[in-house]
Amino acid sequence: NMENKRYIDKVLERIVSRTKVDYDKGEIIFPFTNLSTPYSLSSFLHFFRTPPFSLPFVKYCNEQFGLTLEEIEYVYRRYVEIIEDKIEDGQ
């Protein structure tokens, strides 16, 4: 169930706000992966559904925010949509 949707949306906002997109360099830094390694924007668009992104994301949402798997799936889907829009708007 998603009764604490307001909390979940706050989590989503926080993760989005901590994601740094550098359009000039074409790089993106995620709060849930090793910050010293920016990813290229194109790699995000191609690989966001694979474990290098999804597994750290699941771990981060669970450990930092106590979300269930169902909640994390919702946050992950929305997060990807939001970041994709940001990338497309910025390019």
Protein backbone atom coordinates (compact mmCIF):
# COMPACT_ATOMS: atom_id res chain seq x y z
CA ASN A 1 0.00 0.00 0.00
CA MET A 2 1.09 3.55 -0.61
CA GLU A 3 -0.63 5.33 2.26
CA ASN A 4 2.48 7.32 3.11
CA LYS A 5 2.64 8.75 -0.39
CA ARG A 6 3.49 12.22 0.88
CA TYR A 7 6.61 10.83 2.57
CA ILE A 8 7.50 8.84 -0.53
CA ASP A 9 7.18 11.96 -2.70
CA LYS A 10 9.46 13.82 -0.28
CA VAL A 11 12.03 11.03 -0.64
CA LEU A 12 11.75 11.31 -4.41
CA GLU A 13 12.26 15.10 -4.23
CA ARG A 14 15.31 14.66 -2.04
CA ILE A 15 16.97 12.12 -4.34
CA VAL A 16 16.23 14.29 -7.38
CA SER A 17 17.61 17.40 -5.67
CA ARG A 18 20.80 15.54 -4.74
CA THR A 19 21.31 14.34 -8.30
CA LYS A 20 23.69 16.71 -10.06
CA VAL A 21 23.37 17.05 -13.83
CA ASP A 22 26.26 18.84 -15.54
CA TYR A 23 25.09 19.62 -19.06
CA ASP A 24 28.37 21.23 -20.14
CA LYS A 25 30.38 18.12 -19.30
CA GLY A 26 27.51 15.78 -20.17
CA GLU A 27 27.83 14.13 -16.78
CA ILE A 28 25.52 13.12 -13.99
CA ILE A 29 26.33 12.35 -10.35
CA PHE A 30 23.95 10.24 -8.27
CA PRO A 31 23.58 10.41 -4.48
CA PHE A 32 23.27 6.63 -4.31
CA THR A 33 26.48 5.68 -6.13
CA ASN A 34 30.14 6.50 -5.64
CA LEU A 35 30.21 10.29 -5.96
CA SER A 36 33.74 10.36 -7.33
CA THR A 37 32.62 8.79 -10.59
CA PRO A 38 30.24 10.83 -12.72
CA TYR A 39 28.30 8.91 -15.31
CA SER A 40 27.77 10.21 -18.81
CA LEU A 41 24.23 11.36 -19.52
CA SER A 42 23.99 8.90 -22.40
CA SER A 43 24.98 6.01 -20.14
CA PHE A 44 22.18 6.95 -17.76
CA LEU A 45 19.67 6.95 -20.59
CA HIS A 46 20.86 3.56 -21.82
CA PHE A 47 21.56 1.74 -18.58
CA PHE A 48 19.23 3.08 -15.90
CA ARG A 49 17.20 -0.15 -15.86
CA THR A 50 20.21 -2.35 -15.20
CA PRO A 51 21.81 -3.28 -11.85
CA PRO A 52 24.61 -0.68 -11.82
CA PHE A 53 21.87 1.88 -11.26
CA SER A 54 18.99 -0.06 -9.79
CA LEU A 55 20.78 -2.07 -7.11
CA PRO A 56 22.49 0.87 -5.37
CA PHE A 57 19.22 2.80 -5.69
CA VAL A 58 17.26 0.05 -3.91
CA LYS A 59 19.88 -0.20 -1.15
CA TYR A 60 19.95 3.59 -0.72
CA CYS A 61 16.17 3.96 -0.48
CA ASN A 62 15.92 1.10 1.96
CA GLU A 63 18.80 2.11 4.24
CA GLN A 64 18.36 5.88 4.14
CA PHE A 65 14.57 6.13 4.06
CA GLY A 66 13.23 2.71 5.11
CA LEU A 67 11.17 2.22 1.98
CA THR A 68 9.67 -1.13 1.00
CA LEU A 69 10.42 -2.72 -2.35
CA GLU A 70 7.03 -1.67 -3.70
CA GLU A 71 7.67 1.93 -2.64
CA ILE A 72 11.16 1.85 -4.08
CA GLU A 73 9.83 0.64 -7.43
CA TYR A 74 7.46 3.59 -7.54
CA VAL A 75 10.19 6.08 -6.57
CA TYR A 76 12.61 4.54 -9.10
CA ARG A 77 10.14 4.80 -11.98
CA ARG A 78 9.31 8.41 -11.16
CA TYR A 79 12.96 9.27 -10.57
CA VAL A 80 13.99 7.94 -13.97
CA GLU A 81 11.18 9.89 -15.68
CA ILE A 82 12.16 13.12 -13.92
CA ILE A 83 15.88 12.77 -14.67
CA GLU A 84 15.17 11.86 -18.29
CA ASP A 85 13.07 15.01 -18.63
CA LYS A 86 15.84 17.10 -17.07
CA ILE A 87 18.40 15.67 -19.46
CA GLU A 88 16.19 16.20 -22.48
CA ASP A 89 15.31 19.76 -21.42
CA GLY A 90 18.94 20.64 -20.80
CA GLN A 91 20.43 19.35 -24.01
